[in-house]
C-alpha atoms as a PDB file:
ATOM      1  CA  MET A   1      -7.575   7.321  -3.200  1.00  0.00           C
ATOM      2  CA  PRO A   2      -5.804   8.055  -6.432  1.00  0.00           C
ATOM      3  CA  LEU A   3      -2.457   6.916  -7.080  1.00  0.00           C
ATOM      4  CA  GLY A   4      -1.012   9.991  -7.174  1.00  0.00           C
ATOM      5  CA  ALA A   5      -2.435  11.567  -4.038  1.00  0.00           C
ATOM      6  CA  ALA A   6      -0.817   8.309  -2.757  1.00  0.00           C
ATOM      7  CA  GLU A   7       2.581   9.372  -4.007  1.00  0.00           C
ATOM      8  CA  THR A   8       2.274  12.653  -2.448  1.00  0.00           C
ATOM      9  CA  LEU A   9       1.390  11.781   0.892  1.00  0.00           C
ATOM     10  CA  ALA A  10       3.771   8.243   1.067  1.00  0.00           C
ATOM     11  CA  ALA A  11       5.996  11.206   0.263  1.00  0.00           C
ATOM     12  CA  LEU A  12       5.076  13.792   3.165  1.00  0.00           C
ATOM     13  CA  ILE A  13       5.533  10.564   5.753  1.00  0.00           C
ATOM     14  CA  PRO A  14       8.777   9.378   7.069  1.00  0.00           C
ATOM     15  CA  GLY A  15       9.539   5.955   6.753  1.00  0.00           C
ATOM     16  CA  ALA A  16       5.722   5.342   4.613  1.00  0.00           C
ATOM     17  CA  ARG A  17       5.868   2.754   1.893  1.00  0.00           C
ATOM     18  CA  LEU A  18       3.411   3.114  -1.215  1.00  0.00           C
ATOM     19  CA  ALA A  19       1.888  -0.521  -2.015  1.00  0.00           C
ATOM     20  CA  ALA A  20      -0.137  -0.166  -5.338  1.00  0.00           C
ATOM     21  CA  PHE A  21      -1.817  -3.549  -6.206  1.00  0.00           C
ATOM     22  CA  ALA A  22      -3.231  -3.477 -10.083  1.00  0.00           C
ATOM     23  CA  ASP A  23      -6.653  -4.822 -10.297  1.00  0.00           C
ATOM     24  CA  CYS A  24      -7.806  -3.534  -6.738  1.00  0.00           C
ATOM     25  CA  ALA A  25     -10.823  -1.612  -5.756  1.00  0.00           C
ATOM     26  CA  HIS A  26     -11.132   0.313  -2.152  1.00  0.00           C
ATOM     27  CA  ALA A  27      -9.865  -2.545   0.264  1.00  0.00           C
ATOM     28  CA  PRO A  28      -6.941  -4.276  -1.105  1.00  0.00           C
ATOM     29  CA  PHE A  29      -6.919  -6.101   2.469  1.00  0.00           C
ATOM     30  CA  MET A  30     -10.016  -8.146   0.604  1.00  0.00           C
ATOM     31  CA  SER A  31      -9.022  -7.849  -2.979  1.00  0.00           C
ATOM     32  CA  ARG A  32      -6.340  -8.711  -2.588  1.00  0.00           C
ATOM     33  CA  PRO A  33      -5.187 -10.244   0.745  1.00  0.00           C
ATOM     34  CA  ASP A  34      -1.938 -11.871  -0.036  1.00  0.00           C
ATOM     35  CA  ASP A  35      -0.207  -9.061  -1.259  1.00  0.00           C
ATOM     36  CA  PHE A  36      -1.542  -7.077   0.695  1.00  0.00           C
ATOM     37  CA  LEU A  37      -0.347  -9.643   3.782  1.00  0.00           C
ATOM     38  CA  ALA A  38       3.360  -9.421   2.181  1.00  0.00           C
ATOM     39  CA  ALA A  39       3.568  -5.853   1.543  1.00  0.00           C
ATOM     40  CA  ALA A  40       2.491  -5.891   5.806  1.00  0.00           C
ATOM     41  CA  ARG A  41       5.183  -8.134   6.714  1.00  0.00           C
ATOM     42  CA  ASP A  42       7.685  -6.466   4.625  1.00  0.00           C
ATOM     43  CA  PHE A  43       7.142  -2.972   6.600  1.00  0.00           C
ATOM     44  CA  LEU A  44       6.437  -4.422   9.510  1.00  0.00           C
ATOM     45  CA  ASN A  45       9.821  -6.422   9.437  1.00  0.00           C
ATOM     46  CA  ASP A  46      12.507  -3.842   8.458  1.00  0.00           C
END
């Protein structure tokens, strides 16, 4: 999804957080697994 659309969507969802990864394709959990897991853990542990 384009970053602008993701920002808008995140702003509309209470409690949402947006994590954008540089040099990442459509599936960040595959192309940047360490960064993805760190962001997911941060979100889940809050």
